[in-house]
């Protein structure tokens, strides 16, 4: 976060000076009027300049990077951080060697870090954002693994006529299973149980 106090003959003049100094646009900053200013007697005696404080908040990318850098340092993990803004959310990818600790068992650590990152960053930002974390394409590989699993298990259900209950999954992974089989006219999928032990069930459609 950057902030500056400036003065001018008018409030508007003081604001413009601050914006120029910060290299920012008006919609990017927060403006606090400290002194309205006055012309004084006959425009000379007792005149006071207008004073403002203009604050340029950190961008979402800066806040995200700061939080994750501190977490990686605390974990003694050396990793590069790449942040890209996508439609509706910020996508963060970690790059480096031996980053399995960031993923954890079936992505548990990654999901936990993503939750904490969203929580910490949105406590700082004025406008809430969504953040998705990934480690060198892990989420895409995991998604494909789940799709293959869904298709394989649906084939077993059709063959045996018996429903299959998958292991507990987070909402995002359950959604992958549902989506993978949603167009199969013979198969019905639904979730049962309570978080964090909610499971997907694959069954024949009657």
C-alpha atoms as a PDB file:
ATOM      1  CA  UNK A   1       0.000   0.000   0.000  1.00  0.00           C
ATOM      2  CA  UNK A   2       1.241   3.469  -0.893  1.00  0.00           C
ATOM      3  CA  UNK A   3      -0.041   6.734   0.508  1.00  0.00           C
ATOM      4  CA  UNK A   4       0.858  10.372   0.122  1.00  0.00           C
ATOM      5  CA  UNK A   5      -0.272  13.723   1.490  1.00  0.00           C
ATOM      6  CA  UNK A   6      -0.321  16.663  -0.886  1.00  0.00           C
ATOM      7  CA  UNK A   7      -1.547  20.232  -0.838  1.00  0.00           C
ATOM      8  CA  UNK A   8      -2.843  22.713  -3.378  1.00  0.00           C
ATOM      9  CA  UNK A   9      -4.904  25.815  -3.825  1.00  0.00           C
ATOM     10  CA  UNK A  10      -7.991  23.590  -4.097  1.00  0.00           C
ATOM     11  CA  UNK A  11      -8.851  20.058  -3.086  1.00  0.00           C
ATOM     12  CA  UNK A  12      -8.955  19.061  -6.732  1.00  0.00           C
ATOM     13  CA  UNK A  13      -5.487  20.468  -7.333  1.00  0.00           C
ATOM     14  CA  UNK A  14      -4.142  18.564  -4.331  1.00  0.00           C
ATOM     15  CA  UNK A  15      -5.749  15.329  -5.543  1.00  0.00           C
ATOM     16  CA  UNK A  16      -4.299  15.706  -9.029  1.00  0.00           C
ATOM     17  CA  UNK A  17      -0.842  16.262  -7.546  1.00  0.00           C
ATOM     18  CA  UNK A  18      -1.179  13.077  -5.495  1.00  0.00           C
ATOM     19  CA  UNK A  19      -2.389  11.024  -8.458  1.00  0.00           C
ATOM     20  CA  UNK A  20       0.523  12.239 -10.557  1.00  0.00           C
ATOM     21  CA  UNK A  21       2.997  11.382  -7.819  1.00  0.00           C
ATOM     22  CA  UNK A  22       1.535   7.873  -7.342  1.00  0.00           C
ATOM     23  CA  UNK A  23       1.100   7.256 -11.052  1.00  0.00           C
ATOM     24  CA  UNK A  24      -2.473   6.171 -10.379  1.00  0.00           C
ATOM     25  CA  UNK A  25      -5.993   6.807 -11.643  1.00  0.00           C
ATOM     26  CA  UNK A  26      -8.725   8.279  -9.482  1.00  0.00           C
ATOM     27  CA  UNK A  27     -10.763   5.043  -9.451  1.00  0.00           C
ATOM     28  CA  UNK A  28      -7.756   3.124  -8.105  1.00  0.00           C
ATOM     29  CA  UNK A  29      -7.267   5.183  -4.961  1.00  0.00           C
ATOM     30  CA  UNK A  30      -8.929   6.159  -1.705  1.00  0.00           C
ATOM     31  CA  UNK A  31      -9.087   9.923  -1.063  1.00  0.00           C
ATOM     32  CA  UNK A  32      -9.237  11.586   2.358  1.00  0.00           C
ATOM     33  CA  UNK A  33      -9.715  15.354   2.580  1.00  0.00           C
ATOM     34  CA  UNK A  34      -7.634  16.676   5.488  1.00  0.00           C
ATOM     35  CA  UNK A  35      -8.180  20.390   4.912  1.00  0.00           C
ATOM     36  CA  UNK A  36     -10.685  22.064   2.602  1.00  0.00           C
ATOM     37  CA  UNK A  37      -8.537  25.191   2.302  1.00  0.00           C
ATOM     38  CA  UNK A  38      -9.663  28.797   2.265  1.00  0.00           C
ATOM     39  CA  UNK A  39      -8.768  31.970   0.421  1.00  0.00           C
ATOM     40  CA  UNK A  40      -8.585  34.159   3.539  1.00  0.00           C
ATOM     41  CA  UNK A  41      -9.328  37.863   3.798  1.00  0.00           C
ATOM     42  CA  UNK A  42      -9.215  39.503   0.367  1.00  0.00           C
ATOM     43  CA  UNK A  43      -7.737  36.275  -0.943  1.00  0.00           C
ATOM     44  CA  UNK A  44      -4.474  36.957   0.858  1.00  0.00           C
ATOM     45  CA  UNK A  45      -4.484  37.125   4.648  1.00  0.00           C
ATOM     46  CA  UNK A  46      -5.098  33.905   6.535  1.00  0.00           C
ATOM     47  CA  UNK A  47      -5.402  31.770   3.412  1.00  0.00           C
ATOM     48  CA  UNK A  48      -4.865  28.032   3.855  1.00  0.00           C
ATOM     49  CA  UNK A  49      -4.078  25.464   1.222  1.00  0.00           C
ATOM     50  CA  UNK A  50      -6.198  22.383   0.775  1.00  0.00           C
ATOM     51  CA  UNK A  51      -4.592  19.128   1.955  1.00  0.00           C
ATOM     52  CA  UNK A  52      -5.509  15.567   1.051  1.00  0.00           C
ATOM     53  CA  UNK A  53      -4.259  12.087   1.778  1.00  0.00           C
ATOM     54  CA  UNK A  54      -4.466   9.684  -1.141  1.00  0.00           C
ATOM     55  CA  UNK A  55      -4.018   5.936  -0.582  1.00  0.00           C
ATOM     56  CA  UNK A  56      -3.184   3.459  -3.340  1.00  0.00           C
ATOM     57  CA  UNK A  57      -4.076  -0.025  -2.024  1.00  0.00           C
ATOM     58  CA  UNK A  58      -1.984  -3.025  -2.994  1.00  0.00           C
ATOM     59  CA  UNK A  59      -3.286  -4.896  -6.025  1.00  0.00           C
ATOM     60  CA  UNK A  60      -4.737  -8.415  -5.549  1.00  0.00           C
ATOM     61  CA  UNK A  61      -1.611  -9.815  -7.209  1.00  0.00           C
ATOM     62  CA  UNK A  62       0.630  -8.038  -4.691  1.00  0.00           C
ATOM     63  CA  UNK A  63      -1.407  -9.233  -1.703  1.00  0.00           C
ATOM     64  CA  UNK A  64      -1.536 -12.819  -2.994  1.00  0.00           C
ATOM     65  CA  UNK A  65       2.177 -12.887  -3.723  1.00  0.00           C
ATOM     66  CA  UNK A  66       3.057 -11.429  -0.319  1.00  0.00           C
ATOM     67  CA  UNK A  67       0.971 -14.002   1.568  1.00  0.00           C
ATOM     68  CA  UNK A  68       2.213 -17.008  -0.395  1.00  0.00           C
ATOM     69  CA  UNK A  69       5.846 -15.867  -0.234  1.00  0.00           C
ATOM     70  CA  UNK A  70       5.639 -15.726   3.558  1.00  0.00           C
ATOM     71  CA  UNK A  71       3.980 -19.164   3.708  1.00  0.00           C
ATOM     72  CA  UNK A  72       6.632 -20.751   1.469  1.00  0.00           C
ATOM     73  CA  UNK A  73       9.386 -19.203   3.569  1.00  0.00           C
ATOM     74  CA  UNK A  74       7.834 -20.588   6.759  1.00  0.00           C
ATOM     75  CA  UNK A  75       7.596 -24.029   5.135  1.00  0.00           C
ATOM     76  CA  UNK A  76      11.196 -23.813   3.869  1.00  0.00           C
ATOM     77  CA  UNK A  77       9.966 -24.479   0.331  1.00  0.00           C
ATOM     78  CA  UNK A  78      11.716 -22.907  -2.649  1.00  0.00           C
ATOM     79  CA  UNK A  79       9.174 -22.297  -5.410  1.00  0.00           C
ATOM     80  CA  UNK A  80       8.409 -19.754  -8.082  1.00  0.00           C
ATOM     81  CA  UNK A  81       4.999 -18.091  -7.971  1.00  0.00           C
ATOM     82  CA  UNK A  82       3.125 -17.172 -11.160  1.00  0.00           C
ATOM     83  CA  UNK A  83      -0.120 -15.216 -10.829  1.00  0.00           C
ATOM     84  CA  UNK A  84      -2.502 -14.743 -13.737  1.00  0.00           C
ATOM     85  CA  UNK A  85      -5.874 -13.043 -13.770  1.00  0.00           C
ATOM     86  CA  UNK A  86      -8.541 -15.117 -15.463  1.00  0.00           C
ATOM     87  CA  UNK A  87     -12.227 -14.498 -15.960  1.00  0.00           C
ATOM     88  CA  UNK A  88     -13.715 -14.361 -12.488  1.00  0.00           C
ATOM     89  CA  UNK A  89     -10.663 -15.443 -10.486  1.00  0.00           C
ATOM     90  CA  UNK A  90      -6.882 -15.355 -10.005  1.00  0.00           C
ATOM     91  CA  UNK A  91      -4.925 -18.466 -10.964  1.00  0.00           C
ATOM     92  CA  UNK A  92      -1.694 -19.086  -9.054  1.00  0.00           C
ATOM     93  CA  UNK A  93       0.826 -21.715 -10.153  1.00  0.00           C
ATOM     94  CA  UNK A  94       3.873 -22.874  -8.196  1.00  0.00           C
ATOM     95  CA  UNK A  95       6.989 -24.032 -10.050  1.00  0.00           C
ATOM     96  CA  UNK A  96      10.091 -25.754  -8.711  1.00  0.00           C
ATOM     97  CA  UNK A  97      11.551 -29.048  -7.548  1.00  0.00           C
ATOM     98  CA  UNK A  98      10.193 -31.389  -4.875  1.00  0.00           C
ATOM     99  CA  UNK A  99       6.898 -29.557  -4.416  1.00  0.00           C
ATOM    100  CA  UNK A 100       4.968 -32.632  -3.336  1.00  0.00           C
ATOM    101  CA  UNK A 101       4.577 -31.167   0.150  1.00  0.00           C
ATOM    102  CA  UNK A 102       2.452 -28.390  -1.347  1.00  0.00           C
ATOM    103  CA  UNK A 103       0.128 -30.959  -2.919  1.00  0.00           C
ATOM    104  CA  UNK A 104      -0.172 -33.466  -0.099  1.00  0.00           C
ATOM    105  CA  UNK A 105      -2.262 -36.627  -0.210  1.00  0.00           C
ATOM    106  CA  UNK A 106      -4.639 -36.295  -3.147  1.00  0.00           C
ATOM    107  CA  UNK A 107      -4.314 -32.520  -3.028  1.00  0.00           C
ATOM    108  CA  UNK A 108      -5.267 -32.072   0.632  1.00  0.00           C
ATOM    109  CA  UNK A 109      -2.412 -29.655   1.387  1.00  0.00           C
ATOM    110  CA  UNK A 110      -3.050 -27.692  -1.796  1.00  0.00           C
ATOM    111  CA  UNK A 111      -6.751 -27.352  -0.988  1.00  0.00           C
ATOM    112  CA  UNK A 112      -5.949 -26.242   2.564  1.00  0.00           C
ATOM    113  CA  UNK A 113      -3.428 -23.661   1.338  1.00  0.00           C
ATOM    114  CA  UNK A 114      -5.933 -22.411  -1.240  1.00  0.00           C
ATOM    115  CA  UNK A 115      -8.566 -21.986   1.481  1.00  0.00           C
ATOM    116  CA  UNK A 116      -6.163 -20.070   3.736  1.00  0.00           C
ATOM    117  CA  UNK A 117      -4.972 -17.907   0.842  1.00  0.00           C
ATOM    118  CA  UNK A 118      -8.530 -16.901  -0.069  1.00  0.00           C
ATOM    119  CA  UNK A 119      -9.278 -16.166   3.588  1.00  0.00           C
ATOM    120  CA  UNK A 120      -6.138 -14.111   4.234  1.00  0.00           C
ATOM    121  CA  UNK A 121      -6.188 -12.134   0.982  1.00  0.00           C
ATOM    122  CA  UNK A 122      -9.868 -11.219   1.191  1.00  0.00           C
ATOM    123  CA  UNK A 123      -9.363  -9.853   4.694  1.00  0.00           C
ATOM    124  CA  UNK A 124      -7.058  -7.256   3.156  1.00  0.00           C
ATOM    125  CA  UNK A 125      -8.757  -6.433  -0.137  1.00  0.00           C
ATOM    126  CA  UNK A 126     -11.724  -4.105  -0.387  1.00  0.00           C
ATOM    127  CA  UNK A 127     -13.256  -6.085  -3.244  1.00  0.00           C
ATOM    128  CA  UNK A 128     -13.422  -9.842  -2.729  1.00  0.00           C
ATOM    129  CA  UNK A 129     -11.620 -12.119  -5.169  1.00  0.00           C
ATOM    130  CA  UNK A 130     -11.470 -15.868  -5.821  1.00  0.00           C
ATOM    131  CA  UNK A 131      -8.060 -17.556  -5.903  1.00  0.00           C
ATOM    132  CA  UNK A 132      -7.224 -20.988  -7.335  1.00  0.00           C
ATOM    133  CA  UNK A 133      -3.842 -22.566  -6.539  1.00  0.00           C
ATOM    134  CA  UNK A 134      -2.074 -25.223  -8.595  1.00  0.00           C
ATOM    135  CA  UNK A 135       1.310 -26.954  -8.582  1.00  0.00           C
ATOM    136  CA  UNK A 136       2.740 -27.516 -12.064  1.00  0.00           C
ATOM    137  CA  UNK A 137      -0.553 -28.666 -13.581  1.00  0.00           C
ATOM    138  CA  UNK A 138      -1.538 -31.015 -10.739  1.00  0.00           C
ATOM    139  CA  UNK A 139      -5.213 -30.019 -10.775  1.00  0.00           C
ATOM    140  CA  UNK A 140      -5.575 -30.742 -14.502  1.00  0.00           C
ATOM    141  CA  UNK A 141      -3.948 -34.148 -14.073  1.00  0.00           C
ATOM    142  CA  UNK A 142      -6.140 -34.889 -11.059  1.00  0.00           C
ATOM    143  CA  UNK A 143      -9.247 -33.872 -13.016  1.00  0.00           C
ATOM    144  CA  UNK A 144      -8.374 -36.262 -15.842  1.00  0.00           C
ATOM    145  CA  UNK A 145      -7.718 -39.045 -13.317  1.00  0.00           C
ATOM    146  CA  UNK A 146     -11.172 -38.477 -11.812  1.00  0.00           C
ATOM    147  CA  UNK A 147     -12.833 -38.455 -15.235  1.00  0.00           C
ATOM    148  CA  UNK A 148     -11.184 -41.769 -16.113  1.00  0.00           C
ATOM    149  CA  UNK A 149     -12.224 -43.169 -12.731  1.00  0.00           C
ATOM    150  CA  UNK A 150     -15.823 -42.067 -13.231  1.00  0.00           C
ATOM    151  CA  UNK A 151     -16.028 -43.721 -16.645  1.00  0.00           C
ATOM    152  CA  UNK A 152     -14.438 -46.935 -15.413  1.00  0.00           C
ATOM    153  CA  UNK A 153     -16.727 -47.199 -12.403  1.00  0.00           C
ATOM    154  CA  UNK A 154     -19.835 -46.373 -14.417  1.00  0.00           C
ATOM    155  CA  UNK A 155     -18.985 -49.272 -16.722  1.00  0.00           C
ATOM    156  CA  UNK A 156     -18.745 -51.548 -13.661  1.00  0.00           C
ATOM    157  CA  UNK A 157     -22.132 -50.349 -12.413  1.00  0.00           C
ATOM    158  CA  UNK A 158     -23.715 -51.132 -15.774  1.00  0.00           C
ATOM    159  CA  UNK A 159     -22.127 -54.568 -15.769  1.00  0.00           C
ATOM    160  CA  UNK A 160     -22.980 -55.567 -12.210  1.00  0.00           C
ATOM    161  CA  UNK A 161     -26.103 -53.519 -11.579  1.00  0.00           C
ATOM    162  CA  UNK A 162     -24.689 -52.554  -8.192  1.00  0.00           C
ATOM    163  CA  UNK A 163     -24.077 -48.992  -7.158  1.00  0.00           C
ATOM    164  CA  UNK A 164     -20.561 -47.763  -6.316  1.00  0.00           C
ATOM    165  CA  UNK A 165     -19.694 -45.368  -3.482  1.00  0.00           C
ATOM    166  CA  UNK A 166     -16.502 -43.393  -3.998  1.00  0.00           C
ATOM    167  CA  UNK A 167     -14.131 -42.190  -1.300  1.00  0.00           C
ATOM    168  CA  UNK A 168     -14.831 -38.786   0.324  1.00  0.00           C
ATOM    169  CA  UNK A 169     -14.038 -35.868  -1.977  1.00  0.00           C
ATOM    170  CA  UNK A 170     -14.168 -32.106  -1.775  1.00  0.00           C
ATOM    171  CA  UNK A 171     -16.957 -30.253  -3.645  1.00  0.00           C
ATOM    172  CA  UNK A 172     -14.723 -29.435  -6.624  1.00  0.00           C
ATOM    173  CA  UNK A 173     -13.736 -33.071  -7.202  1.00  0.00           C
ATOM    174  CA  UNK A 174     -17.292 -34.320  -6.705  1.00  0.00           C
ATOM    175  CA  UNK A 175     -18.383 -31.850  -9.358  1.00  0.00           C
ATOM    176  CA  UNK A 176     -15.874 -33.381 -11.797  1.00  0.00           C
ATOM    177  CA  UNK A 177     -17.433 -36.837 -11.290  1.00  0.00           C
ATOM    178  CA  UNK A 178     -20.979 -35.544 -11.721  1.00  0.00           C
ATOM    179  CA  UNK A 179     -20.058 -33.587 -14.858  1.00  0.00           C
ATOM    180  CA  UNK A 180     -18.185 -36.523 -16.414  1.00  0.00           C
ATOM    181  CA  UNK A 181     -21.291 -38.731 -16.214  1.00  0.00           C
ATOM    182  CA  UNK A 182     -24.118 -36.220 -16.564  1.00  0.00           C
ATOM    183  CA  UNK A 183     -24.837 -37.147 -20.194  1.00  0.00           C
ATOM    184  CA  UNK A 184     -24.940 -40.907 -19.581  1.00  0.00           C
ATOM    185  CA  UNK A 185     -28.630 -41.867 -19.820  1.00  0.00           C
ATOM    186  CA  UNK A 186     -28.076 -45.135 -17.922  1.00  0.00           C
ATOM    187  CA  UNK A 187     -26.200 -43.661 -14.961  1.00  0.00           C
ATOM    188  CA  UNK A 188     -27.301 -41.524 -12.026  1.00  0.00           C
ATOM    189  CA  UNK A 189     -24.857 -39.749  -9.724  1.00  0.00           C
ATOM    190  CA  UNK A 190     -25.563 -38.060  -6.409  1.00  0.00           C
ATOM    191  CA  UNK A 191     -23.728 -37.125  -3.225  1.00  0.00           C
ATOM    192  CA  UNK A 192     -24.433 -38.391   0.277  1.00  0.00           C
ATOM    193  CA  UNK A 193     -23.000 -37.818   3.735  1.00  0.00           C
ATOM    194  CA  UNK A 194     -21.760 -34.725   5.524  1.00  0.00           C
ATOM    195  CA  UNK A 195     -18.642 -32.651   4.865  1.00  0.00           C
ATOM    196  CA  UNK A 196     -15.791 -33.425   4.956  1.00  0.00           C
ATOM    197  CA  UNK A 197     -16.845 -37.049   4.399  1.00  0.00           C
ATOM    198  CA  UNK A 198     -19.359 -36.409   1.624  1.00  0.00           C
ATOM    199  CA  UNK A 199     -19.138 -39.046  -1.125  1.00  0.00           C
ATOM    200  CA  UNK A 200     -20.312 -39.480  -4.709  1.00  0.00           C
ATOM    201  CA  UNK A 201     -22.559 -42.436  -5.481  1.00  0.00           C
ATOM    202  CA  UNK A 202     -22.752 -43.897  -8.990  1.00  0.00           C
ATOM    203  CA  UNK A 203     -25.845 -45.991  -9.631  1.00  0.00           C
ATOM    204  CA  UNK A 204     -28.068 -47.273 -12.415  1.00  0.00           C
ATOM    205  CA  UNK A 205     -30.862 -44.943 -13.477  1.00  0.00           C
ATOM    206  CA  UNK A 206     -34.213 -46.709 -12.988  1.00  0.00           C
END
